Amino acid sequence: MPSSRAARLPAVAEPDSRRAEICRAAARIFCDQGFDATAMSDIARALRMTKAGLYHYFPSKEAMLFEIMTFGLDRMDEEVIAPALAVRDPAARLRQMIMQHARIITRAEGVVAQLFHEQRALPAHMRKVVNNQERRYFRLVRDTLKEIRGAGRLRNLDLSIAALSLIGMIQWLPRWFRQDGRLTIDQAADEIANLAFAALLKPVDRKKR
């Protein structure tokens, strides 16, 4: 992924560092070829590096995948979870999370997001870190729905199923969204939010207004 389409993937080091360039290339190749089908030599070749040079930065392709996933989850923490915690109204918080999550997940053609199903290839200790970070976001969505229920605004739904379904809708965005399509990412995210709210929230009784 050495092109500008993936310029938002800096990994741990500086955005223009060699380590970041390796992560960008690896992410694109993993996405295009599949993690299992990709060899370290494929990544080295794309970067015009030797395998020995590549191993200087990463001991394995699993370590590369872990760093890419960690980067994506850190962006979720900084740009979705942290701002959401400052929003008191749960419905407004939920809409903001949907919009921000959609913006992040479609960056660089959604390459990072499309790799998360590959976490099964990570060693157990790495997979646990990724799963724990994912659960933090899931709990925030579920707790927000619980607040909406407490306000008498939620339909009779299982909170966990509702939260997982909502997250799944957003995570599917990179599979079909096109940056040059007829909708902007904000328009697409707004459509998803409207669909979610129609399914989750009780209709407003206008007679009581």
N, C-alpha and C. Protein backbone atom coordinates (compact mmCIF):
# COMPACT_ATOMS: atom_id res chain seq x y z
N MET A 1 0.82 -1.20 0.00
CA MET A 1 0.00 0.00 0.00
C MET A 1 0.86 1.25 0.00
N PRO A 2 1.81 1.40 -0.89
CA PRO A 2 2.67 2.55 -0.89
C PRO A 2 2.04 3.78 -1.50
N SER A 3 0.82 3.73 -1.95
CA SER A 3 0.19 4.86 -2.60
C SER A 3 -0.42 5.81 -1.58
N SER A 4 -0.83 7.01 -2.04
CA SER A 4 -1.41 8.02 -1.16
C SER A 4 -2.75 7.60 -0.62
N ARG A 5 -3.38 6.56 -1.19
CA ARG A 5 -4.69 6.12 -0.71
C ARG A 5 -4.60 5.60 0.71
N ALA A 6 -3.43 5.18 1.14
CA ALA A 6 -3.26 4.62 2.47
C ALA A 6 -2.37 5.50 3.34
N ALA A 7 -2.34 6.77 3.04
CA ALA A 7 -1.42 7.66 3.74
C ALA A 7 -1.75 7.86 5.21
N ARG A 8 -2.91 7.38 5.64
CA ARG A 8 -3.29 7.57 7.03
C ARG A 8 -2.89 6.38 7.90
N LEU A 9 -1.96 5.55 7.46
CA LEU A 9 -1.60 4.37 8.24
C LEU A 9 -0.17 4.44 8.73
N PRO A 10 0.13 5.20 9.82
CA PRO A 10 1.50 5.39 10.23
C PRO A 10 2.04 4.38 11.22
N ALA A 11 1.26 3.47 11.71
CA ALA A 11 1.71 2.52 12.73
C ALA A 11 2.22 3.25 13.96
N VAL A 12 3.26 2.72 14.64
CA VAL A 12 3.68 3.32 15.90
C VAL A 12 4.59 4.50 15.70
N ALA A 13 5.39 4.45 14.65
CA ALA A 13 6.40 5.46 14.43
C ALA A 13 5.83 6.69 13.74
N GLU A 14 6.72 7.58 13.32
CA GLU A 14 6.27 8.79 12.62
C GLU A 14 5.59 8.42 11.31
N PRO A 15 4.58 9.22 10.89
CA PRO A 15 3.81 8.89 9.69
C PRO A 15 4.65 8.70 8.43
N ASP A 16 5.81 9.36 8.34
CA ASP A 16 6.62 9.23 7.14
C ASP A 16 7.81 8.29 7.34
N SER A 17 7.78 7.50 8.41
CA SER A 17 8.91 6.62 8.71
C SER A 17 8.89 5.38 7.82
N ARG A 18 10.02 4.70 7.78
CA ARG A 18 10.12 3.46 7.00
C ARG A 18 9.19 2.40 7.58
N ARG A 19 9.08 2.36 8.90
CA ARG A 19 8.20 1.38 9.55
C ARG A 19 6.75 1.60 9.11
N ALA A 20 6.35 2.85 9.03
CA ALA A 20 5.00 3.17 8.58
C ALA A 20 4.79 2.77 7.13
N GLU A 21 5.80 2.99 6.31
CA GLU A 21 5.71 2.61 4.90
C GLU A 21 5.54 1.10 4.76
N ILE A 22 6.24 0.36 5.59
CA ILE A 22 6.10 -1.10 5.57
C ILE A 22 4.69 -1.50 5.94
N CYS A 23 4.13 -0.88 6.97
CA CYS A 23 2.75 -1.20 7.39
C CYS A 23 1.75 -0.87 6.30
N ARG A 24 1.94 0.24 5.61
CA ARG A 24 1.03 0.60 4.52
C ARG A 24 1.07 -0.45 3.41
N ALA A 25 2.28 -0.83 3.04
CA ALA A 25 2.42 -1.83 1.98
C ALA A 25 1.85 -3.18 2.42
N ALA A 26 2.15 -3.58 3.64
CA ALA A 26 1.67 -4.87 4.14
C ALA A 26 0.15 -4.89 4.19
N ALA A 27 -0.45 -3.82 4.66
CA ALA A 27 -1.91 -3.76 4.78
C ALA A 27 -2.57 -3.94 3.42
N ARG A 28 -2.04 -3.26 2.41
CA ARG A 28 -2.62 -3.36 1.07
C ARG A 28 -2.46 -4.78 0.52
N ILE A 29 -1.29 -5.36 0.71
CA ILE A 29 -1.06 -6.71 0.18
C ILE A 29 -1.89 -7.75 0.92
N PHE A 30 -1.97 -7.63 2.25
CA PHE A 30 -2.82 -8.54 3.03
C PHE A 30 -4.27 -8.47 2.54
N CYS A 31 -4.71 -7.26 2.26
CA CYS A 31 -6.10 -7.05 1.82
C CYS A 31 -6.31 -7.64 0.43
N ASP A 32 -5.37 -7.43 -0.46
CA ASP A 32 -5.51 -7.89 -1.84
C ASP A 32 -5.34 -9.41 -1.99
N GLN A 33 -4.36 -9.97 -1.27
CA GLN A 33 -4.01 -11.38 -1.46
C GLN A 33 -4.54 -12.30 -0.37
N GLY A 34 -4.90 -11.71 0.78
CA GLY A 34 -5.25 -12.52 1.94
C GLY A 34 -4.00 -12.73 2.79
N PHE A 35 -4.19 -12.75 4.09
CA PHE A 35 -3.04 -12.85 5.00
C PHE A 35 -2.29 -14.16 4.80
N ASP A 36 -3.02 -15.27 4.74
CA ASP A 36 -2.36 -16.58 4.65
C ASP A 36 -1.56 -16.72 3.36
N ALA A 37 -2.04 -16.12 2.29
CA ALA A 37 -1.39 -16.26 0.99
C ALA A 37 -0.21 -15.31 0.80
N THR A 38 0.00 -14.40 1.75
CA THR A 38 1.07 -13.42 1.63
C THR A 38 2.31 -13.90 2.37
N ALA A 39 3.44 -13.81 1.71
CA ALA A 39 4.72 -14.16 2.32
C ALA A 39 5.50 -12.89 2.62
N MET A 40 6.43 -12.98 3.55
CA MET A 40 7.27 -11.82 3.85
C MET A 40 8.01 -11.37 2.60
N SER A 41 8.34 -12.31 1.73
CA SER A 41 9.05 -11.96 0.50
C SER A 41 8.17 -11.09 -0.42
N ASP A 42 6.84 -11.29 -0.39
CA ASP A 42 5.94 -10.45 -1.19
C ASP A 42 6.01 -9.00 -0.74
N ILE A 43 6.01 -8.81 0.57
CA ILE A 43 6.06 -7.46 1.12
C ILE A 43 7.42 -6.82 0.85
N ALA A 44 8.48 -7.60 1.05
CA ALA A 44 9.83 -7.09 0.78
C ALA A 44 9.97 -6.67 -0.68
N ARG A 45 9.43 -7.50 -1.57
CA ARG A 45 9.53 -7.21 -3.01
C ARG A 45 8.79 -5.91 -3.35
N ALA A 46 7.60 -5.74 -2.77
CA ALA A 46 6.81 -4.53 -3.04
C ALA A 46 7.53 -3.27 -2.57
N LEU A 47 8.32 -3.41 -1.53
CA LEU A 47 9.05 -2.27 -0.96
C LEU A 47 10.47 -2.16 -1.49
N ARG A 48 10.85 -3.11 -2.36
CA ARG A 48 12.22 -3.15 -2.89
C ARG A 48 13.23 -3.26 -1.75
N MET A 49 12.90 -4.13 -0.81
CA MET A 49 13.77 -4.40 0.32
C MET A 49 14.21 -5.86 0.26
N THR A 50 15.23 -6.17 1.01
CA THR A 50 15.58 -7.58 1.21
C THR A 50 14.73 -8.12 2.35
N LYS A 51 14.55 -9.43 2.40
CA LYS A 51 13.82 -10.03 3.51
C LYS A 51 14.53 -9.74 4.83
N ALA A 52 15.84 -9.75 4.80
CA ALA A 52 16.61 -9.45 6.02
C ALA A 52 16.32 -8.03 6.49
N GLY A 53 16.23 -7.10 5.53
CA GLY A 53 15.90 -5.72 5.90
C GLY A 53 14.52 -5.61 6.50
N LEU A 54 13.58 -6.38 5.96
CA LEU A 54 12.21 -6.37 6.48
C LEU A 54 12.16 -6.94 7.90
N TYR A 55 12.90 -8.01 8.13
CA TYR A 55 12.93 -8.62 9.45
C TYR A 55 13.60 -7.72 10.48
N HIS A 56 14.36 -6.74 10.03
CA HIS A 56 14.95 -5.77 10.95
C HIS A 56 13.86 -4.96 11.64
N TYR A 57 12.74 -4.72 10.93
CA TYR A 57 11.64 -3.93 11.48
C TYR A 57 10.59 -4.80 12.16
N PHE A 58 10.30 -5.94 11.58
CA PHE A 58 9.25 -6.82 12.10
C PHE A 58 9.74 -8.26 12.14
N PRO A 59 9.53 -8.96 13.25
CA PRO A 59 9.97 -10.35 13.34
C PRO A 59 9.10 -11.32 12.55
N SER A 60 7.89 -10.89 12.19
CA SER A 60 6.96 -11.79 11.50
C SER A 60 5.85 -10.98 10.86
N LYS A 61 5.14 -11.62 9.94
CA LYS A 61 4.00 -10.93 9.33
C LYS A 61 2.87 -10.79 10.35
N GLU A 62 2.79 -11.68 11.36
CA GLU A 62 1.79 -11.55 12.42
C GLU A 62 2.02 -10.27 13.22
N ALA A 63 3.30 -9.95 13.47
CA ALA A 63 3.62 -8.72 14.19
C ALA A 63 3.20 -7.50 13.39
N MET A 64 3.35 -7.58 12.06
CA MET A 64 2.92 -6.50 11.18
C MET A 64 1.40 -6.32 11.25
N LEU A 65 0.69 -7.44 11.15
CA LEU A 65 -0.77 -7.40 11.19
C LEU A 65 -1.24 -6.82 12.52
N PHE A 66 -0.61 -7.21 13.60
CA PHE A 66 -0.98 -6.71 14.92
C PHE A 66 -0.78 -5.20 15.00
N GLU A 67 0.30 -4.71 14.46
CA GLU A 67 0.56 -3.26 14.52
C GLU A 67 -0.46 -2.50 13.68
N ILE A 68 -0.83 -3.05 12.53
CA ILE A 68 -1.84 -2.43 11.69
C ILE A 68 -3.18 -2.37 12.42
N MET A 69 -3.57 -3.48 13.05
CA MET A 69 -4.83 -3.51 13.78
C MET A 69 -4.82 -2.57 14.98
N THR A 70 -3.69 -2.54 15.68
CA THR A 70 -3.57 -1.66 16.84
C THR A 70 -3.70 -0.21 16.42
N PHE A 71 -3.12 0.12 15.28
CA PHE A 71 -3.27 1.48 14.76
C PHE A 71 -4.75 1.83 14.55
N GLY A 72 -5.47 0.93 13.90
CA GLY A 72 -6.89 1.18 13.65
C GLY A 72 -7.69 1.33 14.93
N LEU A 73 -7.41 0.50 15.92
CA LEU A 73 -8.13 0.56 17.18
C LEU A 73 -7.76 1.81 17.97
N ASP A 74 -6.51 2.24 17.87
CA ASP A 74 -6.12 3.49 18.53
C ASP A 74 -6.86 4.68 17.94
N ARG A 75 -7.06 4.66 16.62
CA ARG A 75 -7.83 5.74 16.00
C ARG A 75 -9.28 5.72 16.50
N MET A 76 -9.82 4.52 16.69
CA MET A 76 -11.17 4.41 17.24
C MET A 76 -11.24 5.03 18.63
N ASP A 77 -10.24 4.74 19.44
CA ASP A 77 -10.22 5.31 20.79
C ASP A 77 -10.18 6.82 20.76
N GLU A 78 -9.31 7.36 19.92
CA GLU A 78 -9.08 8.80 19.89
C GLU A 78 -10.19 9.59 19.20
N GLU A 79 -10.75 9.01 18.13
CA GLU A 79 -11.66 9.78 17.29
C GLU A 79 -13.13 9.39 17.42
N VAL A 80 -13.40 8.26 18.05
CA VAL A 80 -14.80 7.84 18.23
C VAL A 80 -15.15 7.74 19.71
N ILE A 81 -14.42 6.92 20.44
CA ILE A 81 -14.78 6.66 21.84
C ILE A 81 -14.59 7.89 22.72
N ALA A 82 -13.41 8.50 22.68
CA ALA A 82 -13.14 9.65 23.55
C ALA A 82 -14.12 10.80 23.32
N PRO A 83 -14.38 11.23 22.06
CA PRO A 83 -15.35 12.31 21.88
C PRO A 83 -16.76 11.91 22.31
N ALA A 84 -17.13 10.65 22.13
CA ALA A 84 -18.48 10.20 22.49
C ALA A 84 -18.72 10.29 23.98
N LEU A 85 -17.69 10.04 24.77
CA LEU A 85 -17.85 10.06 26.22
C LEU A 85 -18.21 11.45 26.75
N ALA A 86 -17.97 12.47 25.92
CA ALA A 86 -18.29 13.83 26.34
C ALA A 86 -19.71 14.25 25.98
N VAL A 87 -20.45 13.39 25.26
CA VAL A 87 -21.81 13.73 24.83
C VAL A 87 -22.80 13.13 25.82
N ARG A 88 -23.59 13.96 26.46
CA ARG A 88 -24.48 13.50 27.52
C ARG A 88 -25.73 12.82 26.99
N ASP A 89 -26.35 13.38 25.96
CA ASP A 89 -27.58 12.78 25.43
C ASP A 89 -27.23 11.48 24.70
N PRO A 90 -27.80 10.35 25.10
CA PRO A 90 -27.39 9.07 24.50
C PRO A 90 -27.72 8.95 23.02
N ALA A 91 -28.84 9.49 22.58
CA ALA A 91 -29.19 9.40 21.16
C ALA A 91 -28.22 10.23 20.32
N ALA A 92 -27.88 11.43 20.80
CA ALA A 92 -26.91 12.26 20.10
C ALA A 92 -25.53 11.59 20.10
N ARG A 93 -25.20 10.95 21.22
CA ARG A 93 -23.92 10.23 21.32
C ARG A 93 -23.87 9.09 20.30
N LEU A 94 -24.97 8.35 20.18
CA LEU A 94 -25.01 7.22 19.25
C LEU A 94 -24.83 7.69 17.81
N ARG A 95 -25.53 8.76 17.45
CA ARG A 95 -25.40 9.27 16.08
C ARG A 95 -23.98 9.75 15.82
N GLN A 96 -23.38 10.41 16.78
CA GLN A 96 -22.00 10.88 16.60
C GLN A 96 -21.05 9.70 16.42
N MET A 97 -21.24 8.62 17.19
CA MET A 97 -20.39 7.45 17.06
C MET A 97 -20.53 6.83 15.68
N ILE A 98 -21.76 6.73 15.19
CA ILE A 98 -21.98 6.16 13.86
C ILE A 98 -21.26 6.98 12.80
N MET A 99 -21.39 8.31 12.88
CA MET A 99 -20.78 9.19 11.88
C MET A 99 -19.26 9.10 11.92
N GLN A 100 -18.69 9.16 13.13
CA GLN A 100 -17.24 9.13 13.26
C GLN A 100 -16.66 7.77 12.88
N HIS A 101 -17.34 6.71 13.29
CA HIS A 101 -16.89 5.36 12.95
C HIS A 101 -16.88 5.19 11.43
N ALA A 102 -17.91 5.67 10.78
CA ALA A 102 -17.99 5.56 9.32
C ALA A 102 -16.86 6.32 8.64
N ARG A 103 -16.54 7.50 9.14
CA ARG A 103 -15.45 8.28 8.54
C ARG A 103 -14.11 7.56 8.66
N ILE A 104 -13.87 7.01 9.83
CA ILE A 104 -12.60 6.33 10.07
C ILE A 104 -12.48 5.05 9.27
N ILE A 105 -13.54 4.28 9.25
CA ILE A 105 -13.47 2.93 8.67
C ILE A 105 -13.33 2.94 7.16
N THR A 106 -13.65 4.06 6.53
CA THR A 106 -13.56 4.13 5.07
C THR A 106 -12.29 4.83 4.60
N ARG A 107 -11.45 5.26 5.52
CA ARG A 107 -10.19 5.88 5.10
C ARG A 107 -9.33 4.87 4.35
N ALA A 108 -8.57 5.38 3.40
CA ALA A 108 -7.66 4.54 2.63
C ALA A 108 -8.38 3.31 2.09
N GLU A 109 -9.60 3.55 1.58
CA GLU A 109 -10.44 2.49 0.99
C GLU A 109 -10.79 1.40 2.00
N GLY A 110 -10.72 1.74 3.27
CA GLY A 110 -11.12 0.78 4.31
C GLY A 110 -10.20 -0.42 4.44
N VAL A 111 -8.94 -0.26 4.03
CA VAL A 111 -8.01 -1.39 4.03
C VAL A 111 -7.84 -1.95 5.44
N VAL A 112 -7.61 -1.07 6.42
CA VAL A 112 -7.38 -1.54 7.79
C VAL A 112 -8.60 -2.30 8.30
N ALA A 113 -9.78 -1.73 8.11
CA ALA A 113 -11.00 -2.37 8.61
C ALA A 113 -11.23 -3.74 7.99
N GLN A 114 -10.88 -3.89 6.72
CA GLN A 114 -11.11 -5.16 6.04
C GLN A 114 -10.16 -6.27 6.48
N LEU A 115 -9.16 -5.91 7.29
CA LEU A 115 -8.21 -6.91 7.77
C LEU A 115 -8.60 -7.51 9.11
N PHE A 116 -9.62 -6.96 9.76
CA PHE A 116 -9.89 -7.39 11.13
C PHE A 116 -10.37 -8.83 11.22
N HIS A 117 -10.92 -9.36 10.15
CA HIS A 117 -11.31 -10.77 10.21
C HIS A 117 -10.09 -11.68 10.22
N GLU A 118 -8.92 -11.12 9.92
CA GLU A 118 -7.69 -11.91 9.92
C GLU A 118 -7.09 -12.06 11.31
N GLN A 119 -7.72 -11.49 12.32
CA GLN A 119 -7.15 -11.57 13.66
C GLN A 119 -7.04 -13.00 14.16
N ARG A 120 -7.75 -13.92 13.55
CA ARG A 120 -7.64 -15.33 13.92
C ARG A 120 -6.23 -15.85 13.71
N ALA A 121 -5.46 -15.16 12.84
CA ALA A 121 -4.09 -15.59 12.55
C ALA A 121 -3.09 -15.09 13.59
N LEU A 122 -3.52 -14.21 14.49
CA LEU A 122 -2.61 -13.66 15.49
C LEU A 122 -2.35 -14.67 16.61
N PRO A 123 -1.18 -14.61 17.22
CA PRO A 123 -0.94 -15.40 18.43
C PRO A 123 -1.92 -14.99 19.51
N ALA A 124 -2.18 -15.88 20.45
CA ALA A 124 -3.22 -15.65 21.46
C ALA A 124 -3.03 -14.34 22.21
N HIS A 125 -1.80 -14.00 22.59
CA HIS A 125 -1.59 -12.79 23.39
C HIS A 125 -1.89 -11.52 22.58
N MET A 126 -1.62 -11.55 21.29
CA MET A 126 -1.94 -10.40 20.44
C MET A 126 -3.44 -10.34 20.20
N ARG A 127 -4.05 -11.50 19.93
CA ARG A 127 -5.48 -11.55 19.69
C ARG A 127 -6.26 -11.03 20.89
N LYS A 128 -5.77 -11.33 22.09
CA LYS A 128 -6.43 -10.88 23.31
C LYS A 128 -6.44 -9.35 23.40
N VAL A 129 -5.33 -8.72 23.03
CA VAL A 129 -5.26 -7.26 23.05
C VAL A 129 -6.29 -6.66 22.09
N VAL A 130 -6.34 -7.20 20.87
CA VAL A 130 -7.29 -6.72 19.87
C VAL A 130 -8.73 -6.93 20.35
N ASN A 131 -9.02 -8.10 20.86
CA ASN A 131 -10.38 -8.41 21.33
C ASN A 131 -10.79 -7.50 22.47
N ASN A 132 -9.88 -7.22 23.39
CA ASN A 132 -10.19 -6.35 24.52
C ASN A 132 -10.53 -4.94 24.05
N GLN A 133 -9.79 -4.44 23.07
CA GLN A 133 -10.07 -3.10 22.55
C GLN A 133 -11.40 -3.08 21.80
N GLU A 134 -11.68 -4.13 21.07
CA GLU A 134 -12.96 -4.20 20.36
C GLU A 134 -14.13 -4.24 21.35
N ARG A 135 -13.95 -4.99 22.43
CA ARG A 135 -15.02 -5.10 23.43
C ARG A 135 -15.30 -3.76 24.10
N ARG A 136 -14.28 -2.92 24.24
CA ARG A 136 -14.49 -1.61 24.84
C ARG A 136 -15.49 -0.79 24.02
N TYR A 137 -15.34 -0.83 22.72
CA TYR A 137 -16.25 -0.10 21.85
C TYR A 137 -17.64 -0.73 21.89
N PHE A 138 -17.69 -2.04 21.84
CA PHE A 138 -18.98 -2.73 21.91
C PHE A 138 -19.73 -2.35 23.19
N ARG A 139 -19.03 -2.32 24.32
CA ARG A 139 -19.68 -1.98 25.59
C ARG A 139 -20.21 -0.55 25.58
N LEU A 140 -19.48 0.36 24.94
CA LEU A 140 -19.95 1.74 24.87
C LEU A 140 -21.24 1.83 24.05
N VAL A 141 -21.28 1.14 22.92
CA VAL A 141 -22.51 1.15 22.10
C VAL A 141 -23.67 0.52 22.88
N ARG A 142 -23.42 -0.62 23.50
CA ARG A 142 -24.47 -1.29 24.26
C ARG A 142 -24.94 -0.45 25.44
N ASP A 143 -24.01 0.18 26.15
CA ASP A 143 -24.39 1.02 27.29
C ASP A 143 -25.16 2.25 26.85
N THR A 144 -24.82 2.77 25.67
CA THR A 144 -25.56 3.92 25.13
C THR A 144 -26.99 3.51 24.80
N LEU A 145 -27.15 2.34 24.22
CA LEU A 145 -28.50 1.82 23.94
C LEU A 145 -29.27 1.60 25.25
N LYS A 146 -28.58 1.17 26.27
CA LYS A 146 -29.22 0.96 27.58
C LYS A 146 -29.71 2.28 28.14
N GLU A 147 -28.95 3.35 27.95
CA GLU A 147 -29.38 4.68 28.40
C GLU A 147 -30.62 5.12 27.63
N ILE A 148 -30.62 4.85 26.33
CA ILE A 148 -31.79 5.21 25.53
C ILE A 148 -33.01 4.42 26.00
N ARG A 149 -32.79 3.16 26.34
CA ARG A 149 -33.89 2.36 26.90
C ARG A 149 -34.37 2.97 28.22
N GLY A 150 -33.44 3.39 29.07
CA GLY A 150 -33.81 3.99 30.34
C GLY A 150 -34.66 5.24 30.18
N ALA A 151 -34.48 5.92 29.08
CA ALA A 151 -35.28 7.12 28.79
C ALA A 151 -36.60 6.77 28.13
N GLY A 152 -36.87 5.47 27.96
CA GLY A 152 -38.13 5.03 27.37
C GLY A 152 -38.20 5.21 25.87
N ARG A 153 -37.04 5.28 25.21
CA ARG A 153 -37.04 5.60 23.79
C ARG A 153 -36.65 4.41 22.91
N LEU A 154 -36.24 3.29 23.52
CA LEU A 154 -35.76 2.15 22.73
C LEU A 154 -36.86 1.12 22.56
N ARG A 155 -36.91 0.51 21.38
CA ARG A 155 -37.83 -0.59 21.16
C ARG A 155 -37.44 -1.78 22.05
N ASN A 156 -38.31 -2.78 22.11
CA ASN A 156 -38.04 -3.96 22.94
C ASN A 156 -37.04 -4.85 22.21
N LEU A 157 -35.75 -4.60 22.45
CA LEU A 157 -34.68 -5.29 21.73
C LEU A 157 -33.65 -5.83 22.71
N ASP A 158 -32.97 -6.88 22.31
CA ASP A 158 -31.83 -7.37 23.07
C ASP A 158 -30.67 -6.40 22.85
N LEU A 159 -30.11 -5.85 23.91
CA LEU A 159 -29.10 -4.81 23.78
C LEU A 159 -27.84 -5.29 23.08
N SER A 160 -27.40 -6.48 23.41
CA SER A 160 -26.17 -6.99 22.80
C SER A 160 -26.34 -7.24 21.30
N ILE A 161 -27.47 -7.84 20.94
CA ILE A 161 -27.74 -8.10 19.51
C ILE A 161 -27.87 -6.78 18.76
N ALA A 162 -28.54 -5.81 19.37
CA ALA A 162 -28.71 -4.51 18.72
C ALA A 162 -27.35 -3.83 18.52
N ALA A 163 -26.50 -3.88 19.54
CA ALA A 163 -25.18 -3.24 19.45
C ALA A 163 -24.32 -3.92 18.39
N LEU A 164 -24.31 -5.25 18.40
CA LEU A 164 -23.50 -5.98 17.42
C LEU A 164 -24.01 -5.75 15.99
N SER A 165 -25.32 -5.68 15.83
CA SER A 165 -25.89 -5.46 14.50
C SER A 165 -25.53 -4.07 13.98
N LEU A 166 -25.59 -3.09 14.86
CA LEU A 166 -25.26 -1.72 14.46
C LEU A 166 -23.78 -1.62 14.07
N ILE A 167 -22.91 -2.18 14.89
CA ILE A 167 -21.48 -2.17 14.57
C ILE A 167 -21.22 -2.90 13.26
N GLY A 168 -21.92 -4.02 13.05
CA GLY A 168 -21.76 -4.78 11.82
C GLY A 168 -22.15 -3.98 10.58
N MET A 169 -23.21 -3.19 10.68
CA MET A 169 -23.62 -2.34 9.56
C MET A 169 -22.50 -1.39 9.16
N ILE A 170 -21.89 -0.79 10.18
CA ILE A 170 -20.82 0.18 9.90
C ILE A 170 -19.59 -0.53 9.36
N GLN A 171 -19.26 -1.67 9.94
CA GLN A 171 -18.06 -2.38 9.51
C GLN A 171 -18.17 -2.90 8.07
N TRP A 172 -19.37 -3.02 7.58
CA TRP A 172 -19.55 -3.48 6.20
C TRP A 172 -19.34 -2.35 5.19
N LEU A 173 -19.32 -1.11 5.65
CA LEU A 173 -19.20 0.05 4.77
C LEU A 173 -18.03 -0.05 3.78
N PRO A 174 -16.83 -0.40 4.21
CA PRO A 174 -15.71 -0.43 3.25
C PRO A 174 -15.90 -1.42 2.12
N ARG A 175 -16.83 -2.38 2.30
CA ARG A 175 -17.05 -3.38 1.25
C ARG A 175 -17.80 -2.80 0.06
N TRP A 176 -18.58 -1.72 0.31
CA TRP A 176 -19.37 -1.20 -0.80
C TRP A 176 -19.18 0.30 -1.06
N PHE A 177 -18.70 1.05 -0.07
CA PHE A 177 -18.57 2.49 -0.26
C PHE A 177 -17.44 2.82 -1.22
N ARG A 178 -17.69 3.77 -2.11
CA ARG A 178 -16.68 4.24 -3.06
C ARG A 178 -16.51 5.74 -2.90
N GLN A 179 -15.25 6.15 -2.74
CA GLN A 179 -14.98 7.58 -2.53
C GLN A 179 -15.46 8.43 -3.71
N ASP A 180 -15.49 7.86 -4.91
CA ASP A 180 -15.92 8.61 -6.08
C ASP A 180 -17.37 8.28 -6.46
N GLY A 181 -18.11 7.68 -5.53
CA GLY A 181 -19.51 7.33 -5.78
C GLY A 181 -20.44 8.52 -5.65
N ARG A 182 -21.72 8.26 -5.75
CA ARG A 182 -22.70 9.36 -5.73
C ARG A 182 -22.91 9.93 -4.34
N LEU A 183 -22.55 9.20 -3.28
CA LEU A 183 -22.71 9.68 -1.91
C LEU A 183 -21.36 10.01 -1.29
N THR A 184 -21.31 11.08 -0.51
CA THR A 184 -20.12 11.33 0.30
C THR A 184 -20.17 10.38 1.49
N ILE A 185 -19.07 10.27 2.22
CA ILE A 185 -19.08 9.39 3.38
C ILE A 185 -20.05 9.90 4.44
N ASP A 186 -20.18 11.22 4.58
CA ASP A 186 -21.13 11.76 5.56
C ASP A 186 -22.57 11.44 5.16
N GLN A 187 -22.86 11.51 3.87
CA GLN A 187 -24.21 11.16 3.42
C GLN A 187 -24.51 9.68 3.64
N ALA A 188 -23.53 8.83 3.35
CA ALA A 188 -23.72 7.39 3.56
C ALA A 188 -23.88 7.08 5.04
N ALA A 189 -23.06 7.72 5.88
CA ALA A 189 -23.15 7.50 7.33
C ALA A 189 -24.49 7.99 7.87
N ASP A 190 -24.97 9.10 7.33
CA ASP A 190 -26.26 9.64 7.78
C ASP A 190 -27.39 8.68 7.41
N GLU A 191 -27.30 8.07 6.23
CA GLU A 191 -28.31 7.08 5.83
C GLU A 191 -28.30 5.89 6.79
N ILE A 192 -27.11 5.43 7.16
CA ILE A 192 -27.00 4.31 8.09
C ILE A 192 -27.56 4.70 9.45
N ALA A 193 -27.24 5.91 9.90
CA ALA A 193 -27.76 6.38 11.20
C ALA A 193 -29.28 6.46 11.17
N ASN A 194 -29.85 6.98 10.09
CA ASN A 194 -31.30 7.08 9.99
C ASN A 194 -31.95 5.69 9.99
N LEU A 195 -31.35 4.76 9.26
CA LEU A 195 -31.86 3.39 9.23
C LEU A 195 -31.79 2.75 10.61
N ALA A 196 -30.66 2.94 11.28
CA ALA A 196 -30.49 2.38 12.61
C ALA A 196 -31.49 2.97 13.60
N PHE A 197 -31.66 4.27 13.56
CA PHE A 197 -32.58 4.93 14.50
C PHE A 197 -34.02 4.50 14.25
N ALA A 198 -34.37 4.31 12.97
CA ALA A 198 -35.73 3.86 12.67
C ALA A 198 -35.97 2.46 13.22
N ALA A 199 -34.94 1.63 13.22
CA ALA A 199 -35.08 0.26 13.72
C ALA A 199 -34.99 0.19 15.25
N LEU A 200 -34.21 1.07 15.85
CA LEU A 200 -33.93 0.98 17.28
C LEU A 200 -34.89 1.78 18.16
N LEU A 201 -35.27 2.95 17.69
CA LEU A 201 -36.05 3.86 18.53
C LEU A 201 -37.55 3.73 18.30
N LYS A 202 -38.29 3.94 19.36
CA LYS A 202 -39.74 3.95 19.25
C LYS A 202 -40.18 5.16 18.43
N PRO A 203 -41.22 5.03 17.65
CA PRO A 203 -41.70 6.20 16.89
C PRO A 203 -42.19 7.27 17.86
N VAL A 204 -42.00 8.50 17.46
CA VAL A 204 -42.44 9.61 18.30
C VAL A 204 -43.96 9.70 18.25
N ASP A 205 -44.58 9.78 19.44
CA ASP A 205 -46.03 9.96 19.50
C ASP A 205 -46.32 11.45 19.40
N ARG A 206 -46.70 11.87 18.19
CA ARG A 206 -46.90 13.30 17.94
C ARG A 206 -48.10 13.87 18.70
N LYS A 207 -49.01 12.99 19.14
CA LYS A 207 -50.17 13.47 19.90
C LYS A 207 -49.76 14.02 21.26
N LYS A 208 -48.62 13.56 21.75
CA LYS A 208 -48.17 14.01 23.07
C LYS A 208 -47.30 15.26 22.99
N ARG A 209 -47.06 15.70 21.76
CA ARG A 209 -46.18 16.86 21.58
C ARG A 209 -46.94 18.15 21.62
